[in-house]
Amino acid sequence: MIDIQKTAKEIGHFETASNLYKVKDSIDVIQKVGASMPLPDRDIDKKASEVAEWLIGFEKRKYMFLTPEIALIEKISKENADWVEIIVTMPCDMDHESRERLKNNLPKGIKVTLLEEPFFPNAFFPENGMVVICGYMGGERPMVLTDTYRMVEHYSGFLGKKVFVPYMELETAKRYDGWMELNQQRICEKWRCQNE
C-alpha cells in the first residue's frame, strides 16, 4: 500500500487532495488510497483560494500551520499579504529526507519559517498570530493525523485563535486508519461553520 499519509505530512492535505483529484477515476488509486484518507470528490483549488482569503481576513501577522499546507501557502502568497509570515511546524520524528523535500517545496514570494516540534516560534502572541490545523470533517468530528494531534496537544498552551480547516467534509462520521478525532475545545473556529 502506498503511504499517502506520509505524502500529506510532507506537502499538506490540500496539495495531496489536489493531486489525487487528477487521478480520481483510477481504480488502483481508489483501492490503495481510499483506505487511508477521504478522496476528494471535486477539485479543491477554488476551496483553497477561499480558505486563503478567509485566513488573511483575520489580519494576523503570523500563521502557524501544524501541517505543511503548500497549496494554502501558495494561495496566501498571491493575496498581496506581504506582511504575513507563515510558520510551518515539522514533527520531531520527520526523517531528514522528508525535511529536505519539504524545504524544497516551500513557496517563494512569502516569508516561510520552518519550526521543529517541540519548539515555540519567537514573538508569537494571540494578538499577532494564530494556529491553523488541517484535516477532514467526519460528520461533525474534526479528524487529524496522529502527528497533528500530538502537535495540537503540545501547542495547546497558545491562548490565541486556533482554526480548523478541513480539506474534505464527509456527511458520515467515518474514521480512517492513522487519524484521530480532535477535541472540539482545542479549536475556536471551523472553516465550514463560517462559510457554508
N, C-alpha and C. Protein backbone atom coordinates (compact mmCIF):
# COMPACT_ATOMS: atom_id res chain seq x y z
N MET A 1 0.84 -1.18 0.00
CA MET A 1 0.00 0.00 0.00
C MET A 1 0.89 1.26 0.00
N ILE A 2 0.55 2.22 -0.83
CA ILE A 2 1.33 3.45 -0.87
C ILE A 2 1.05 4.26 0.40
N ASP A 3 2.02 5.04 0.82
CA ASP A 3 1.86 5.79 2.05
C ASP A 3 1.44 7.22 1.72
N ILE A 4 0.16 7.38 1.43
CA ILE A 4 -0.37 8.70 1.08
C ILE A 4 -0.37 9.62 2.28
N GLN A 5 -0.47 9.06 3.48
CA GLN A 5 -0.43 9.89 4.68
C GLN A 5 0.95 10.53 4.84
N LYS A 6 2.00 9.80 4.47
CA LYS A 6 3.35 10.37 4.53
C LYS A 6 3.46 11.53 3.54
N THR A 7 2.86 11.37 2.37
CA THR A 7 2.86 12.46 1.39
C THR A 7 2.13 13.67 1.95
N ALA A 8 0.98 13.45 2.58
CA ALA A 8 0.22 14.56 3.17
C ALA A 8 1.03 15.26 4.26
N LYS A 9 1.85 14.51 4.98
CA LYS A 9 2.69 15.12 6.03
C LYS A 9 3.79 15.99 5.42
N GLU A 10 4.16 15.71 4.16
CA GLU A 10 5.24 16.45 3.51
C GLU A 10 4.76 17.64 2.70
N ILE A 11 3.55 17.54 2.11
CA ILE A 11 3.08 18.64 1.25
C ILE A 11 1.72 19.19 1.69
N GLY A 12 1.09 18.56 2.66
CA GLY A 12 -0.19 19.05 3.16
C GLY A 12 -1.37 18.33 2.54
N HIS A 13 -2.50 18.44 3.20
CA HIS A 13 -3.73 17.77 2.75
C HIS A 13 -4.29 18.37 1.47
N PHE A 14 -4.27 19.69 1.36
CA PHE A 14 -4.84 20.33 0.18
C PHE A 14 -4.06 19.99 -1.08
N GLU A 15 -2.75 20.03 -1.02
CA GLU A 15 -1.92 19.70 -2.19
C GLU A 15 -2.07 18.21 -2.53
N THR A 16 -2.10 17.36 -1.52
CA THR A 16 -2.29 15.92 -1.75
C THR A 16 -3.64 15.66 -2.40
N ALA A 17 -4.69 16.29 -1.87
CA ALA A 17 -6.04 16.11 -2.42
C ALA A 17 -6.12 16.63 -3.85
N SER A 18 -5.46 17.74 -4.12
CA SER A 18 -5.45 18.30 -5.48
C SER A 18 -4.81 17.31 -6.45
N ASN A 19 -3.70 16.71 -6.03
CA ASN A 19 -3.03 15.71 -6.88
C ASN A 19 -3.88 14.47 -7.05
N LEU A 20 -4.56 14.04 -6.00
CA LEU A 20 -5.41 12.86 -6.07
C LEU A 20 -6.63 13.09 -6.97
N TYR A 21 -7.15 14.30 -6.96
CA TYR A 21 -8.32 14.59 -7.78
C TYR A 21 -8.02 14.36 -9.26
N LYS A 22 -6.79 14.63 -9.66
CA LYS A 22 -6.40 14.47 -11.06
C LYS A 22 -6.44 13.00 -11.50
N VAL A 23 -6.33 12.08 -10.55
CA VAL A 23 -6.34 10.65 -10.89
C VAL A 23 -7.48 9.92 -10.17
N LYS A 24 -8.53 10.65 -9.83
CA LYS A 24 -9.62 10.12 -9.02
C LYS A 24 -10.39 8.97 -9.67
N ASP A 25 -10.32 8.85 -10.99
CA ASP A 25 -11.06 7.79 -11.67
C ASP A 25 -10.28 6.48 -11.75
N SER A 26 -9.07 6.48 -11.26
CA SER A 26 -8.24 5.27 -11.30
C SER A 26 -8.69 4.29 -10.22
N ILE A 27 -9.03 3.10 -10.63
CA ILE A 27 -9.44 2.04 -9.69
C ILE A 27 -8.31 1.75 -8.71
N ASP A 28 -7.07 1.74 -9.22
CA ASP A 28 -5.91 1.47 -8.39
C ASP A 28 -5.78 2.52 -7.28
N VAL A 29 -5.96 3.79 -7.62
CA VAL A 29 -5.88 4.86 -6.62
C VAL A 29 -6.99 4.70 -5.59
N ILE A 30 -8.18 4.44 -6.03
CA ILE A 30 -9.32 4.28 -5.11
C ILE A 30 -9.06 3.15 -4.13
N GLN A 31 -8.53 2.03 -4.62
CA GLN A 31 -8.27 0.89 -3.75
C GLN A 31 -7.12 1.15 -2.78
N LYS A 32 -6.05 1.76 -3.26
CA LYS A 32 -4.87 1.96 -2.41
C LYS A 32 -5.00 3.13 -1.47
N VAL A 33 -5.54 4.23 -1.96
CA VAL A 33 -5.59 5.46 -1.17
C VAL A 33 -6.87 5.57 -0.38
N GLY A 34 -7.96 5.09 -0.95
CA GLY A 34 -9.27 5.24 -0.32
C GLY A 34 -9.38 4.66 1.08
N ALA A 35 -8.48 3.76 1.46
CA ALA A 35 -8.49 3.20 2.81
C ALA A 35 -7.72 4.07 3.80
N SER A 36 -6.93 5.02 3.30
CA SER A 36 -6.06 5.83 4.16
C SER A 36 -6.58 7.23 4.45
N MET A 37 -7.37 7.77 3.53
CA MET A 37 -7.88 9.13 3.70
C MET A 37 -9.04 9.36 2.76
N PRO A 38 -9.89 10.33 3.07
CA PRO A 38 -11.01 10.61 2.16
C PRO A 38 -10.49 11.13 0.81
N LEU A 39 -11.05 10.60 -0.26
CA LEU A 39 -10.68 11.05 -1.59
C LEU A 39 -11.53 12.26 -1.97
N PRO A 40 -10.93 13.25 -2.59
CA PRO A 40 -11.69 14.44 -2.97
C PRO A 40 -12.72 14.12 -4.04
N ASP A 41 -13.92 14.68 -3.88
CA ASP A 41 -14.98 14.44 -4.86
C ASP A 41 -15.07 15.58 -5.87
N ARG A 42 -14.30 16.63 -5.65
CA ARG A 42 -14.25 17.75 -6.60
C ARG A 42 -12.88 18.40 -6.48
N ASP A 43 -12.57 19.22 -7.44
CA ASP A 43 -11.30 19.94 -7.42
C ASP A 43 -11.33 20.93 -6.27
N ILE A 44 -10.33 20.92 -5.43
CA ILE A 44 -10.35 21.79 -4.25
C ILE A 44 -9.53 23.06 -4.42
N ASP A 45 -9.12 23.35 -5.65
CA ASP A 45 -8.34 24.56 -5.89
C ASP A 45 -9.13 25.81 -5.50
N LYS A 46 -10.40 25.85 -5.86
CA LYS A 46 -11.24 27.01 -5.51
C LYS A 46 -11.39 27.11 -3.99
N LYS A 47 -11.58 25.98 -3.35
CA LYS A 47 -11.71 25.97 -1.89
C LYS A 47 -10.42 26.48 -1.24
N ALA A 48 -9.28 26.07 -1.77
CA ALA A 48 -8.00 26.54 -1.21
C ALA A 48 -7.89 28.06 -1.32
N SER A 49 -8.34 28.63 -2.43
CA SER A 49 -8.32 30.09 -2.58
C SER A 49 -9.25 30.76 -1.56
N GLU A 50 -10.43 30.19 -1.37
CA GLU A 50 -11.38 30.74 -0.41
C GLU A 50 -10.84 30.65 1.02
N VAL A 51 -10.20 29.54 1.33
CA VAL A 51 -9.61 29.37 2.67
C VAL A 51 -8.50 30.39 2.88
N ALA A 52 -7.66 30.60 1.88
CA ALA A 52 -6.57 31.58 1.99
C ALA A 52 -7.14 32.98 2.27
N GLU A 53 -8.18 33.36 1.55
CA GLU A 53 -8.83 34.66 1.78
C GLU A 53 -9.39 34.74 3.20
N TRP A 54 -10.01 33.67 3.64
CA TRP A 54 -10.59 33.62 4.98
C TRP A 54 -9.51 33.79 6.04
N LEU A 55 -8.39 33.09 5.87
CA LEU A 55 -7.30 33.19 6.84
C LEU A 55 -6.72 34.60 6.87
N ILE A 56 -6.47 35.17 5.70
CA ILE A 56 -5.94 36.53 5.63
C ILE A 56 -6.91 37.52 6.28
N GLY A 57 -8.20 37.22 6.21
CA GLY A 57 -9.21 38.08 6.82
C GLY A 57 -9.06 38.26 8.32
N PHE A 58 -8.35 37.36 8.97
CA PHE A 58 -8.11 37.50 10.40
C PHE A 58 -7.06 38.58 10.69
N GLU A 59 -6.34 38.98 9.65
CA GLU A 59 -5.34 40.05 9.72
C GLU A 59 -4.27 39.80 10.78
N LYS A 60 -3.81 38.57 10.84
CA LYS A 60 -2.71 38.23 11.73
C LYS A 60 -1.40 38.38 10.96
N ARG A 61 -0.36 38.59 11.70
CA ARG A 61 0.96 38.70 11.06
C ARG A 61 1.61 37.33 10.90
N LYS A 62 1.33 36.41 11.82
CA LYS A 62 1.94 35.09 11.80
C LYS A 62 0.86 34.00 11.81
N TYR A 63 1.00 33.06 10.88
CA TYR A 63 0.09 31.93 10.78
C TYR A 63 0.92 30.67 10.96
N MET A 64 0.66 29.95 12.03
CA MET A 64 1.42 28.74 12.33
C MET A 64 0.62 27.52 11.86
N PHE A 65 1.11 26.86 10.83
CA PHE A 65 0.46 25.67 10.28
C PHE A 65 1.05 24.43 10.94
N LEU A 66 0.18 23.55 11.41
CA LEU A 66 0.64 22.30 12.02
C LEU A 66 0.83 21.19 10.98
N THR A 67 0.49 21.49 9.74
CA THR A 67 0.80 20.63 8.60
C THR A 67 1.33 21.55 7.50
N PRO A 68 2.22 21.07 6.66
CA PRO A 68 2.81 21.94 5.63
C PRO A 68 1.88 22.13 4.44
N GLU A 69 0.88 22.95 4.58
CA GLU A 69 -0.14 23.13 3.55
C GLU A 69 0.39 23.99 2.40
N ILE A 70 1.17 23.35 1.53
CA ILE A 70 1.81 24.04 0.42
C ILE A 70 0.79 24.78 -0.44
N ALA A 71 -0.33 24.14 -0.77
CA ALA A 71 -1.34 24.78 -1.63
C ALA A 71 -1.91 26.03 -0.98
N LEU A 72 -2.20 25.98 0.32
CA LEU A 72 -2.75 27.16 1.01
C LEU A 72 -1.71 28.27 1.11
N ILE A 73 -0.48 27.90 1.38
CA ILE A 73 0.59 28.90 1.50
C ILE A 73 0.80 29.60 0.16
N GLU A 74 0.74 28.85 -0.94
CA GLU A 74 0.86 29.45 -2.28
C GLU A 74 -0.28 30.44 -2.53
N LYS A 75 -1.49 30.06 -2.13
CA LYS A 75 -2.65 30.96 -2.31
C LYS A 75 -2.50 32.21 -1.46
N ILE A 76 -2.03 32.05 -0.23
CA ILE A 76 -1.82 33.21 0.65
C ILE A 76 -0.78 34.15 0.03
N SER A 77 0.26 33.57 -0.57
CA SER A 77 1.32 34.40 -1.16
C SER A 77 0.79 35.24 -2.31
N LYS A 78 -0.32 34.85 -2.92
CA LYS A 78 -0.90 35.60 -4.04
C LYS A 78 -1.96 36.61 -3.58
N GLU A 79 -2.17 36.72 -2.29
CA GLU A 79 -3.20 37.61 -1.75
C GLU A 79 -2.67 39.00 -1.42
N ASN A 80 -1.51 39.36 -1.90
CA ASN A 80 -0.91 40.66 -1.60
C ASN A 80 -0.82 40.90 -0.10
N ALA A 81 -0.48 39.87 0.61
CA ALA A 81 -0.34 39.95 2.07
C ALA A 81 1.14 39.85 2.42
N ASP A 82 1.90 40.86 2.00
CA ASP A 82 3.34 40.80 2.20
C ASP A 82 3.76 40.98 3.66
N TRP A 83 2.82 41.31 4.52
CA TRP A 83 3.12 41.44 5.94
C TRP A 83 3.06 40.08 6.65
N VAL A 84 2.60 39.05 5.97
CA VAL A 84 2.34 37.74 6.58
C VAL A 84 3.62 36.90 6.65
N GLU A 85 3.77 36.23 7.77
CA GLU A 85 4.81 35.21 7.91
C GLU A 85 4.12 33.89 8.19
N ILE A 86 4.51 32.87 7.45
CA ILE A 86 3.98 31.53 7.65
C ILE A 86 5.01 30.73 8.43
N ILE A 87 4.55 30.05 9.46
CA ILE A 87 5.40 29.17 10.25
C ILE A 87 4.88 27.75 10.02
N VAL A 88 5.72 26.91 9.47
CA VAL A 88 5.34 25.51 9.24
C VAL A 88 6.03 24.67 10.30
N THR A 89 5.23 23.97 11.08
CA THR A 89 5.76 23.13 12.15
C THR A 89 6.03 21.73 11.61
N MET A 90 7.24 21.25 11.83
CA MET A 90 7.62 19.90 11.40
C MET A 90 7.57 18.97 12.61
N PRO A 91 6.99 17.78 12.44
CA PRO A 91 7.01 16.82 13.54
C PRO A 91 8.45 16.46 13.93
N CYS A 92 8.67 16.23 15.20
CA CYS A 92 10.02 15.93 15.69
C CYS A 92 10.58 14.64 15.11
N ASP A 93 9.71 13.73 14.66
CA ASP A 93 10.19 12.45 14.13
C ASP A 93 10.24 12.41 12.60
N MET A 94 10.13 13.56 11.95
CA MET A 94 10.20 13.59 10.48
C MET A 94 11.65 13.30 10.05
N ASP A 95 11.81 12.35 9.12
CA ASP A 95 13.15 11.97 8.70
C ASP A 95 13.82 13.07 7.87
N HIS A 96 15.13 12.99 7.77
CA HIS A 96 15.93 14.03 7.10
C HIS A 96 15.52 14.22 5.64
N GLU A 97 15.30 13.12 4.94
CA GLU A 97 14.94 13.19 3.52
C GLU A 97 13.60 13.93 3.34
N SER A 98 12.64 13.64 4.20
CA SER A 98 11.33 14.32 4.14
C SER A 98 11.48 15.80 4.45
N ARG A 99 12.33 16.14 5.40
CA ARG A 99 12.56 17.55 5.74
C ARG A 99 13.14 18.31 4.53
N GLU A 100 14.07 17.67 3.84
CA GLU A 100 14.68 18.31 2.67
C GLU A 100 13.65 18.51 1.56
N ARG A 101 12.80 17.51 1.33
CA ARG A 101 11.75 17.66 0.31
C ARG A 101 10.79 18.79 0.70
N LEU A 102 10.45 18.86 1.98
CA LEU A 102 9.57 19.94 2.46
C LEU A 102 10.22 21.30 2.21
N LYS A 103 11.48 21.45 2.56
CA LYS A 103 12.18 22.72 2.34
C LYS A 103 12.17 23.10 0.86
N ASN A 104 12.38 22.13 0.00
CA ASN A 104 12.43 22.39 -1.45
C ASN A 104 11.06 22.72 -2.03
N ASN A 105 9.98 22.29 -1.38
CA ASN A 105 8.63 22.52 -1.89
C ASN A 105 7.99 23.80 -1.38
N LEU A 106 8.64 24.49 -0.45
CA LEU A 106 8.03 25.70 0.11
C LEU A 106 7.89 26.78 -0.95
N PRO A 107 6.75 27.45 -0.97
CA PRO A 107 6.52 28.51 -1.96
C PRO A 107 7.48 29.69 -1.78
N LYS A 108 7.78 30.32 -2.88
CA LYS A 108 8.60 31.54 -2.87
C LYS A 108 7.64 32.74 -2.85
N GLY A 109 8.15 33.89 -2.54
CA GLY A 109 7.33 35.10 -2.59
C GLY A 109 6.59 35.38 -1.29
N ILE A 110 6.88 34.62 -0.26
CA ILE A 110 6.27 34.83 1.05
C ILE A 110 7.27 34.34 2.09
N LYS A 111 7.28 34.98 3.23
CA LYS A 111 8.21 34.56 4.28
C LYS A 111 7.68 33.29 4.94
N VAL A 112 8.46 32.22 4.84
CA VAL A 112 8.09 30.94 5.44
C VAL A 112 9.23 30.48 6.34
N THR A 113 8.88 30.18 7.58
CA THR A 113 9.84 29.70 8.56
C THR A 113 9.48 28.27 8.93
N LEU A 114 10.48 27.40 8.95
CA LEU A 114 10.27 26.03 9.42
C LEU A 114 10.59 25.96 10.90
N LEU A 115 9.73 25.30 11.64
CA LEU A 115 9.90 25.18 13.08
C LEU A 115 9.78 23.71 13.46
N GLU A 116 10.77 23.22 14.16
CA GLU A 116 10.71 21.81 14.58
C GLU A 116 9.99 21.71 15.91
N GLU A 117 9.03 20.79 15.95
CA GLU A 117 8.37 20.46 17.21
C GLU A 117 9.47 19.96 18.15
N PRO A 118 9.54 20.32 19.38
CA PRO A 118 8.58 20.95 20.27
C PRO A 118 8.82 22.44 20.51
N PHE A 119 9.61 23.09 19.65
CA PHE A 119 9.95 24.49 19.90
C PHE A 119 8.77 25.41 19.60
N PHE A 120 8.80 26.58 20.22
CA PHE A 120 7.76 27.59 20.01
C PHE A 120 8.34 28.71 19.16
N PRO A 121 7.52 29.31 18.30
CA PRO A 121 8.02 30.41 17.48
C PRO A 121 8.31 31.66 18.32
N ASN A 122 9.25 32.45 17.85
CA ASN A 122 9.57 33.71 18.52
C ASN A 122 8.47 34.73 18.28
N ALA A 123 8.21 35.55 19.28
CA ALA A 123 7.26 36.68 19.18
C ALA A 123 5.93 36.24 18.56
N PHE A 124 5.40 35.13 19.03
CA PHE A 124 4.13 34.58 18.54
C PHE A 124 3.11 34.72 19.67
N PHE A 125 2.23 35.69 19.53
CA PHE A 125 1.28 36.03 20.59
C PHE A 125 -0.15 36.03 20.04
N PRO A 126 -1.16 35.95 20.91
CA PRO A 126 -2.55 35.96 20.44
C PRO A 126 -2.91 37.16 19.57
N GLU A 127 -2.33 38.31 19.84
CA GLU A 127 -2.69 39.49 19.04
C GLU A 127 -2.07 39.49 17.65
N ASN A 128 -0.97 38.75 17.44
CA ASN A 128 -0.33 38.78 16.12
C ASN A 128 -0.29 37.42 15.42
N GLY A 129 -0.74 36.36 16.07
CA GLY A 129 -0.62 35.04 15.48
C GLY A 129 -1.83 34.16 15.68
N MET A 130 -1.91 33.12 14.86
CA MET A 130 -2.95 32.12 15.01
C MET A 130 -2.43 30.77 14.53
N VAL A 131 -3.05 29.71 15.02
CA VAL A 131 -2.68 28.34 14.67
C VAL A 131 -3.70 27.82 13.66
N VAL A 132 -3.21 27.20 12.58
CA VAL A 132 -4.06 26.62 11.54
C VAL A 132 -3.88 25.11 11.58
N ILE A 133 -4.99 24.42 11.77
CA ILE A 133 -4.99 22.96 11.87
C ILE A 133 -5.79 22.41 10.70
N CYS A 134 -5.22 21.49 9.95
CA CYS A 134 -5.91 20.93 8.78
C CYS A 134 -6.14 19.44 8.96
N GLY A 135 -7.22 18.97 8.36
CA GLY A 135 -7.59 17.57 8.39
C GLY A 135 -8.85 17.40 7.56
N TYR A 136 -9.77 16.56 8.02
CA TYR A 136 -11.06 16.41 7.35
C TYR A 136 -12.16 16.36 8.40
N MET A 137 -13.38 16.66 7.98
CA MET A 137 -14.54 16.55 8.87
C MET A 137 -15.23 15.24 8.58
N GLY A 138 -15.44 14.44 9.61
CA GLY A 138 -16.20 13.20 9.51
C GLY A 138 -17.51 13.42 10.26
N GLY A 139 -18.54 13.84 9.54
CA GLY A 139 -19.77 14.27 10.21
C GLY A 139 -19.48 15.58 10.92
N GLU A 140 -19.65 15.60 12.20
CA GLU A 140 -19.35 16.80 13.00
C GLU A 140 -18.01 16.68 13.72
N ARG A 141 -17.23 15.68 13.35
CA ARG A 141 -15.97 15.40 14.05
C ARG A 141 -14.77 15.86 13.24
N PRO A 142 -13.96 16.79 13.78
CA PRO A 142 -12.72 17.15 13.09
C PRO A 142 -11.69 16.03 13.29
N MET A 143 -11.12 15.56 12.18
CA MET A 143 -10.18 14.46 12.21
C MET A 143 -8.82 14.93 11.71
N VAL A 144 -7.76 14.53 12.41
CA VAL A 144 -6.39 14.91 12.05
C VAL A 144 -5.49 13.68 12.12
N LEU A 145 -4.36 13.77 11.44
CA LEU A 145 -3.36 12.70 11.52
C LEU A 145 -2.74 12.69 12.91
N THR A 146 -2.15 11.58 13.30
CA THR A 146 -1.64 11.42 14.66
C THR A 146 -0.56 12.45 15.01
N ASP A 147 0.33 12.78 14.05
CA ASP A 147 1.35 13.80 14.31
C ASP A 147 0.69 15.15 14.60
N THR A 148 -0.32 15.48 13.83
CA THR A 148 -1.02 16.75 14.02
C THR A 148 -1.71 16.77 15.38
N TYR A 149 -2.33 15.65 15.73
CA TYR A 149 -3.00 15.55 17.03
C TYR A 149 -2.01 15.82 18.17
N ARG A 150 -0.83 15.20 18.07
CA ARG A 150 0.20 15.40 19.09
C ARG A 150 0.62 16.87 19.17
N MET A 151 0.78 17.50 18.00
CA MET A 151 1.21 18.90 18.00
C MET A 151 0.11 19.83 18.52
N VAL A 152 -1.14 19.52 18.23
CA VAL A 152 -2.25 20.32 18.78
C VAL A 152 -2.18 20.28 20.30
N GLU A 153 -1.95 19.11 20.85
CA GLU A 153 -1.84 18.98 22.30
C GLU A 153 -0.62 19.73 22.83
N HIS A 154 0.49 19.61 22.12
CA HIS A 154 1.72 20.27 22.56
C HIS A 154 1.57 21.79 22.57
N TYR A 155 0.94 22.34 21.54
CA TYR A 155 0.81 23.79 21.43
C TYR A 155 -0.52 24.30 22.01
N SER A 156 -1.17 23.48 22.81
CA SER A 156 -2.47 23.87 23.39
C SER A 156 -2.36 25.05 24.35
N GLY A 157 -1.16 25.33 24.84
CA GLY A 157 -0.97 26.46 25.74
C GLY A 157 -1.08 27.81 25.06
N PHE A 158 -1.04 27.82 23.71
CA PHE A 158 -1.20 29.09 22.99
C PHE A 158 -2.64 29.57 23.18
N LEU A 159 -2.81 30.76 23.70
CA LEU A 159 -4.13 31.25 24.06
C LEU A 159 -4.83 32.02 22.94
N GLY A 160 -4.20 32.10 21.79
CA GLY A 160 -4.80 32.81 20.67
C GLY A 160 -5.73 31.92 19.86
N LYS A 161 -6.12 32.42 18.72
CA LYS A 161 -7.07 31.76 17.83
C LYS A 161 -6.45 30.51 17.22
N LYS A 162 -7.25 29.44 17.24
CA LYS A 162 -6.88 28.18 16.59
C LYS A 162 -8.04 27.81 15.68
N VAL A 163 -7.77 27.67 14.39
CA VAL A 163 -8.84 27.36 13.44
C VAL A 163 -8.60 26.00 12.81
N PHE A 164 -9.71 25.34 12.50
CA PHE A 164 -9.65 24.05 11.83
C PHE A 164 -10.16 24.22 10.41
N VAL A 165 -9.35 23.76 9.46
CA VAL A 165 -9.70 23.87 8.05
C VAL A 165 -9.71 22.46 7.44
N PRO A 166 -10.90 21.91 7.15
CA PRO A 166 -10.95 20.58 6.53
C PRO A 166 -10.76 20.66 5.02
N TYR A 167 -9.94 19.76 4.50
CA TYR A 167 -9.80 19.70 3.05
C TYR A 167 -10.99 18.96 2.46
N MET A 168 -11.62 18.12 3.26
CA MET A 168 -12.81 17.35 2.84
C MET A 168 -13.82 17.35 3.99
N GLU A 169 -15.08 17.33 3.61
CA GLU A 169 -16.15 17.28 4.60
C GLU A 169 -17.07 16.12 4.26
N LEU A 170 -17.04 15.10 5.10
CA LEU A 170 -17.87 13.92 4.90
C LEU A 170 -19.15 14.07 5.72
N GLU A 171 -20.24 13.57 5.19
CA GLU A 171 -21.50 13.64 5.93
C GLU A 171 -21.54 12.64 7.06
N THR A 172 -20.84 11.53 6.90
CA THR A 172 -20.82 10.49 7.93
C THR A 172 -19.58 10.62 8.80
N ALA A 173 -19.65 10.02 9.96
CA ALA A 173 -18.54 10.10 10.92
C ALA A 173 -17.54 8.97 10.67
N LYS A 174 -17.01 8.89 9.47
CA LYS A 174 -16.05 7.84 9.13
C LYS A 174 -14.67 8.21 9.64
N ARG A 175 -14.00 7.20 10.21
CA ARG A 175 -12.64 7.39 10.71
C ARG A 175 -11.71 6.44 9.96
N TYR A 176 -10.66 7.00 9.40
CA TYR A 176 -9.67 6.23 8.65
C TYR A 176 -8.51 5.86 9.57
N ASP A 177 -7.81 4.77 9.21
CA ASP A 177 -6.63 4.37 9.98
C ASP A 177 -5.61 5.49 10.00
N GLY A 178 -5.00 5.74 11.17
CA GLY A 178 -3.98 6.76 11.30
C GLY A 178 -4.53 8.15 11.59
N TRP A 179 -5.83 8.27 11.73
CA TRP A 179 -6.47 9.56 12.00
C TRP A 179 -7.08 9.53 13.40
N MET A 180 -7.11 10.69 14.04
CA MET A 180 -7.70 10.79 15.39
C MET A 180 -8.68 11.95 15.42
N GLU A 181 -9.68 11.80 16.26
CA GLU A 181 -10.65 12.88 16.43
C GLU A 181 -10.05 13.97 17.30
N LEU A 182 -10.16 15.19 16.84
CA LEU A 182 -9.64 16.34 17.56
C LEU A 182 -10.71 16.85 18.53
N ASN A 183 -10.30 17.09 19.75
CA ASN A 183 -11.22 17.63 20.75
C ASN A 183 -11.71 19.00 20.27
N GLN A 184 -13.03 19.17 20.19
CA GLN A 184 -13.62 20.42 19.69
C GLN A 184 -13.20 21.63 20.52
N GLN A 185 -12.85 21.40 21.78
CA GLN A 185 -12.45 22.51 22.64
C GLN A 185 -11.06 23.05 22.29
N ARG A 186 -10.33 22.33 21.46
CA ARG A 186 -8.99 22.77 21.05
C ARG A 186 -9.03 23.80 19.92
N ILE A 187 -10.20 24.00 19.32
CA ILE A 187 -10.30 24.94 18.20
C ILE A 187 -11.34 26.01 18.49
N CYS A 188 -11.09 27.20 17.94
CA CYS A 188 -12.01 28.33 18.12
C CYS A 188 -13.04 28.40 17.01
N GLU A 189 -12.60 28.15 15.79
CA GLU A 189 -13.48 28.25 14.63
C GLU A 189 -13.15 27.16 13.64
N LYS A 190 -14.18 26.79 12.86
CA LYS A 190 -14.00 25.83 11.78
C LYS A 190 -14.37 26.52 10.48
N TRP A 191 -13.67 26.18 9.43
CA TRP A 191 -13.94 26.78 8.13
C TRP A 191 -15.39 26.61 7.71
N ARG A 192 -15.93 25.43 7.78
CA ARG A 192 -17.27 25.19 7.22
C ARG A 192 -18.36 25.91 8.00
N CYS A 193 -18.17 26.10 9.28
CA CYS A 193 -19.19 26.80 10.07
C CYS A 193 -19.33 28.24 9.63
N GLN A 194 -18.27 28.80 9.13
CA GLN A 194 -18.27 30.21 8.72
C GLN A 194 -18.73 30.40 7.28
N ASN A 195 -18.57 29.39 6.45
CA ASN A 195 -18.64 29.65 5.02
C ASN A 195 -19.57 28.75 4.22
N GLU A 196 -20.53 28.13 4.85
CA GLU A 196 -21.46 27.32 4.06
C GLU A 196 -22.85 27.88 4.16
